[in-house]
Amino acid sequence: MALKTFNVQEDVYNKFSNFCKGHGVSMSKQIEMFMESMLEEEPEAKQEYLEKLERIRKGKFIRVKSFADRYGL
């Protein structure tokens, strides 16, 4: 394992640090997983996901002007 130094805006670092602490995850591991994901052979969305998304977009939807009026909320 290598120790590396990166320049990051302090505000971004603090927010991400709090996020990691709040979710009980290692900040270093999250950065490592991000780097690995960028190096994968297929970093773009997988074709099956894109096809599923397209089916959802073409689905039948009901236009609702007021959700509260329609469903009594």
N, C-alpha and C. Protein backbone atom coordinates (compact mmCIF):
# COMPACT_ATOMS: atom_id res chain seq x y z
N MET A 1 0.86 -1.17 0.00
CA MET A 1 0.00 0.00 0.00
C MET A 1 0.90 1.22 0.00
N ALA A 2 0.52 2.22 -0.76
CA ALA A 2 1.30 3.45 -0.88
C ALA A 2 0.54 4.61 -0.25
N LEU A 3 1.27 5.48 0.40
CA LEU A 3 0.69 6.69 0.95
C LEU A 3 0.86 7.80 -0.07
N LYS A 4 -0.22 8.43 -0.50
CA LYS A 4 -0.20 9.47 -1.52
C LYS A 4 -0.82 10.74 -0.96
N THR A 5 -0.44 11.86 -1.52
CA THR A 5 -0.98 13.15 -1.10
C THR A 5 -1.70 13.77 -2.29
N PHE A 6 -2.90 14.30 -2.03
CA PHE A 6 -3.68 14.97 -3.05
C PHE A 6 -4.10 16.34 -2.53
N ASN A 7 -4.22 17.28 -3.41
CA ASN A 7 -4.74 18.60 -3.05
C ASN A 7 -6.24 18.60 -3.32
N VAL A 8 -7.00 18.85 -2.27
CA VAL A 8 -8.46 18.85 -2.35
C VAL A 8 -8.96 20.07 -1.61
N GLN A 9 -10.02 20.67 -2.12
CA GLN A 9 -10.61 21.81 -1.41
C GLN A 9 -11.03 21.36 -0.02
N GLU A 10 -10.72 22.17 0.98
CA GLU A 10 -10.98 21.79 2.36
C GLU A 10 -12.46 21.52 2.62
N ASP A 11 -13.33 22.33 2.03
CA ASP A 11 -14.77 22.15 2.21
C ASP A 11 -15.22 20.80 1.68
N VAL A 12 -14.73 20.43 0.50
CA VAL A 12 -15.08 19.14 -0.10
C VAL A 12 -14.56 18.01 0.77
N TYR A 13 -13.32 18.14 1.22
CA TYR A 13 -12.72 17.11 2.09
C TYR A 13 -13.54 16.92 3.35
N ASN A 14 -13.89 18.03 4.00
CA ASN A 14 -14.65 17.94 5.25
C ASN A 14 -16.02 17.31 5.05
N LYS A 15 -16.71 17.69 3.97
CA LYS A 15 -18.03 17.10 3.70
C LYS A 15 -17.91 15.61 3.44
N PHE A 16 -16.89 15.21 2.64
CA PHE A 16 -16.73 13.79 2.34
C PHE A 16 -16.31 13.02 3.58
N SER A 17 -15.45 13.62 4.40
CA SER A 17 -15.03 12.98 5.64
C SER A 17 -16.23 12.73 6.56
N ASN A 18 -17.09 13.73 6.69
CA ASN A 18 -18.30 13.57 7.52
C ASN A 18 -19.23 12.52 6.94
N PHE A 19 -19.36 12.51 5.61
CA PHE A 19 -20.19 11.50 4.95
C PHE A 19 -19.67 10.10 5.28
N CYS A 20 -18.37 9.89 5.14
CA CYS A 20 -17.77 8.57 5.40
C CYS A 20 -17.96 8.17 6.86
N LYS A 21 -17.70 9.11 7.77
CA LYS A 21 -17.88 8.82 9.21
C LYS A 21 -19.33 8.47 9.51
N GLY A 22 -20.23 9.23 8.93
CA GLY A 22 -21.66 9.00 9.16
C GLY A 22 -22.15 7.66 8.66
N HIS A 23 -21.49 7.13 7.61
CA HIS A 23 -21.88 5.85 7.05
C HIS A 23 -20.96 4.71 7.49
N GLY A 24 -19.99 5.04 8.34
CA GLY A 24 -19.09 4.02 8.86
C GLY A 24 -18.21 3.37 7.80
N VAL A 25 -17.74 4.16 6.84
CA VAL A 25 -16.90 3.63 5.77
C VAL A 25 -15.55 4.34 5.78
N SER A 26 -14.56 3.69 5.23
CA SER A 26 -13.22 4.24 5.15
C SER A 26 -13.11 5.20 3.97
N MET A 27 -12.65 6.40 4.25
CA MET A 27 -12.48 7.39 3.18
C MET A 27 -11.48 6.88 2.16
N SER A 28 -10.38 6.32 2.62
CA SER A 28 -9.35 5.81 1.71
C SER A 28 -9.91 4.73 0.79
N LYS A 29 -10.72 3.84 1.36
CA LYS A 29 -11.29 2.76 0.56
C LYS A 29 -12.25 3.31 -0.49
N GLN A 30 -13.02 4.35 -0.14
CA GLN A 30 -13.94 4.95 -1.09
C GLN A 30 -13.19 5.58 -2.26
N ILE A 31 -12.09 6.25 -1.96
CA ILE A 31 -11.27 6.85 -3.02
C ILE A 31 -10.66 5.77 -3.90
N GLU A 32 -10.19 4.70 -3.27
CA GLU A 32 -9.61 3.59 -4.03
C GLU A 32 -10.64 2.95 -4.95
N MET A 33 -11.86 2.74 -4.45
CA MET A 33 -12.91 2.14 -5.27
C MET A 33 -13.28 3.07 -6.43
N PHE A 34 -13.28 4.38 -6.19
CA PHE A 34 -13.55 5.34 -7.26
C PHE A 34 -12.48 5.23 -8.35
N MET A 35 -11.22 5.18 -7.94
CA MET A 35 -10.12 5.09 -8.90
C MET A 35 -10.23 3.80 -9.71
N GLU A 36 -10.54 2.70 -9.05
CA GLU A 36 -10.69 1.42 -9.76
C GLU A 36 -11.83 1.49 -10.77
N SER A 37 -12.94 2.13 -10.37
CA SER A 37 -14.09 2.21 -11.27
C SER A 37 -13.75 3.01 -12.52
N MET A 38 -12.88 3.99 -12.39
CA MET A 38 -12.48 4.80 -13.54
C MET A 38 -11.59 4.02 -14.49
N LEU A 39 -10.96 2.96 -14.00
CA LEU A 39 -10.04 2.18 -14.83
C LEU A 39 -10.69 0.94 -15.43
N GLU A 40 -11.93 0.65 -15.08
CA GLU A 40 -12.62 -0.51 -15.62
C GLU A 40 -12.72 -0.41 -17.13
N GLU A 41 -12.83 -1.56 -17.77
CA GLU A 41 -12.93 -1.58 -19.23
C GLU A 41 -14.20 -0.91 -19.73
N GLU A 42 -15.28 -1.01 -18.96
CA GLU A 42 -16.56 -0.42 -19.37
C GLU A 42 -17.02 0.60 -18.33
N PRO A 43 -16.40 1.77 -18.28
CA PRO A 43 -16.83 2.73 -17.27
C PRO A 43 -18.20 3.35 -17.58
N GLU A 44 -18.66 3.20 -18.81
CA GLU A 44 -19.97 3.74 -19.18
C GLU A 44 -21.07 2.80 -18.65
N ALA A 45 -22.30 3.27 -18.71
CA ALA A 45 -23.43 2.46 -18.27
C ALA A 45 -23.54 1.20 -19.12
N LYS A 46 -23.84 0.10 -18.47
CA LYS A 46 -23.97 -1.17 -19.18
C LYS A 46 -25.20 -1.13 -20.09
N GLN A 47 -25.12 -1.83 -21.21
CA GLN A 47 -26.18 -1.81 -22.22
C GLN A 47 -27.51 -2.28 -21.65
N GLU A 48 -27.51 -3.31 -20.80
CA GLU A 48 -28.78 -3.81 -20.25
C GLU A 48 -29.45 -2.75 -19.38
N TYR A 49 -28.66 -1.95 -18.68
CA TYR A 49 -29.23 -0.86 -17.88
C TYR A 49 -29.85 0.19 -18.80
N LEU A 50 -29.15 0.54 -19.86
CA LEU A 50 -29.67 1.54 -20.79
C LEU A 50 -30.97 1.07 -21.44
N GLU A 51 -31.06 -0.23 -21.77
CA GLU A 51 -32.28 -0.78 -22.36
C GLU A 51 -33.43 -0.74 -21.35
N LYS A 52 -33.15 -1.08 -20.12
CA LYS A 52 -34.17 -1.04 -19.08
C LYS A 52 -34.66 0.39 -18.87
N LEU A 53 -33.74 1.34 -18.84
CA LEU A 53 -34.10 2.73 -18.69
C LEU A 53 -34.99 3.21 -19.83
N GLU A 54 -34.68 2.78 -21.03
CA GLU A 54 -35.49 3.17 -22.20
C GLU A 54 -36.90 2.60 -22.10
N ARG A 55 -37.04 1.34 -21.62
CA ARG A 55 -38.37 0.74 -21.44
C ARG A 55 -39.17 1.54 -20.41
N ILE A 56 -38.51 1.97 -19.35
CA ILE A 56 -39.20 2.75 -18.32
C ILE A 56 -39.66 4.09 -18.90
N ARG A 57 -38.80 4.73 -19.66
CA ARG A 57 -39.15 6.03 -20.27
C ARG A 57 -40.35 5.92 -21.19
N LYS A 58 -40.50 4.79 -21.87
CA LYS A 58 -41.60 4.61 -22.81
C LYS A 58 -42.86 4.08 -22.14
N GLY A 59 -42.82 3.92 -20.83
CA GLY A 59 -43.94 3.35 -20.09
C GLY A 59 -45.17 4.23 -20.13
N LYS A 60 -46.29 3.65 -19.69
CA LYS A 60 -47.55 4.38 -19.64
C LYS A 60 -47.61 5.14 -18.32
N PHE A 61 -47.82 6.43 -18.42
CA PHE A 61 -47.87 7.27 -17.24
C PHE A 61 -49.18 8.02 -17.19
N ILE A 62 -49.62 8.37 -16.01
CA ILE A 62 -50.84 9.13 -15.80
C ILE A 62 -50.43 10.57 -15.47
N ARG A 63 -50.96 11.51 -16.24
CA ARG A 63 -50.68 12.92 -15.94
C ARG A 63 -51.50 13.34 -14.73
N VAL A 64 -50.83 13.94 -13.77
CA VAL A 64 -51.49 14.38 -12.55
C VAL A 64 -51.14 15.85 -12.35
N LYS A 65 -52.16 16.70 -12.36
CA LYS A 65 -51.92 18.12 -12.12
C LYS A 65 -51.69 18.38 -10.65
N SER A 66 -52.48 17.73 -9.81
CA SER A 66 -52.34 17.91 -8.37
C SER A 66 -52.40 16.53 -7.72
N PHE A 67 -51.30 16.09 -7.19
CA PHE A 67 -51.23 14.79 -6.54
C PHE A 67 -52.21 14.73 -5.36
N ALA A 68 -52.26 15.81 -4.57
CA ALA A 68 -53.13 15.84 -3.41
C ALA A 68 -54.60 15.73 -3.81
N ASP A 69 -55.01 16.44 -4.87
CA ASP A 69 -56.41 16.36 -5.31
C ASP A 69 -56.73 14.98 -5.84
N ARG A 70 -55.84 14.40 -6.60
CA ARG A 70 -56.09 13.10 -7.21
C ARG A 70 -56.16 11.98 -6.16
N TYR A 71 -55.27 12.04 -5.19
CA TYR A 71 -55.18 10.93 -4.23
C TYR A 71 -55.65 11.30 -2.83
N GLY A 72 -56.27 12.47 -2.69
CA GLY A 72 -56.89 12.84 -1.43
C GLY A 72 -55.94 13.06 -0.28
N LEU A 73 -54.82 13.65 -0.56
CA LEU A 73 -53.86 13.91 0.52
C LEU A 73 -53.90 15.33 0.98
